[in-house]
Amino acid sequence: MSAHPSLDPSVVRWSVPPSERGDRPVLLLLHGYGSDEHDLFGLAPYLPERFVVASVRAPLAPPWPMPGASWYPIEGLDGRDPDAVTLAARAVLAWVRDAVGDAPVGLLGFSQGGAVALQTLRADPDAVSFAVVLAGYAAGGELPGDAVLAARRPPVFWGRGAADDVIPAALVDATAQWLPVHSELSGRVYPGLTHSISQDELDDVRAFLDARLALASPSSTG
């Protein structure tokens, strides 16, 4: 695989200053195509306060005139190439090693950010505790971590809209086959929802995250 740009630490949005992070679990937000670190950060008030929320900017620029940033190309012959998704995942893992340290890390990604969240879990199952995938999918191919995931079955929430016509149906179908084998899957298909996030979905995500906190430390849920 070719080199992939690293994530820029100067454009990360954090929910709390360094002095308040300590060993609190980190929830890393991975935005969608053409967006940036400000987009999903707006979800922070809806998420459990116990998490330190960090929202990073993807390292690539989509083709002009598309604004924002991207994790991997989705145009042309290399669009949605699983190897490109893996390169993005390795950039995320490098950022986690540098910025988070030993604190537990979960991922929440939207659209191609959701694909990267799953790919990061696959690339290093020891580095990520769980993944929330909203309007995303599992990239094709196989990674060495897949066998580990099949044995451990880490928690994954997968939410998508019934009216979402952005993610190709073949990728949705493949994800529906892949996730139950490689994760403890929970999630929902939301009637009428397009390629977006609804309040009902946020409520389900909050319940999923609260459950992760309760299992990790019953006395520290927030």
Foldseek 3Di string as FASTA:
>chain_A
DDADDAFDPVQKDKPDDPVPPPQQEEEEEFEAPLAAQVVCVVCVVLAWPSHTYIGTAADAAADPPRHGGHQFAQDDPCHLPVVSLLNSLVSVVVCCVVPPPPHAYAYEYAASGLQSRVSNCQQPVVRHQEYEYENYFHRDDHGPSQVVQLVVAHEYEYEYEPAAPPDPPVRVVVRVVRNVRRHPYDYDYHYPDYRDDDPVRSVVVNVVNQVVVCVVPVVDTD
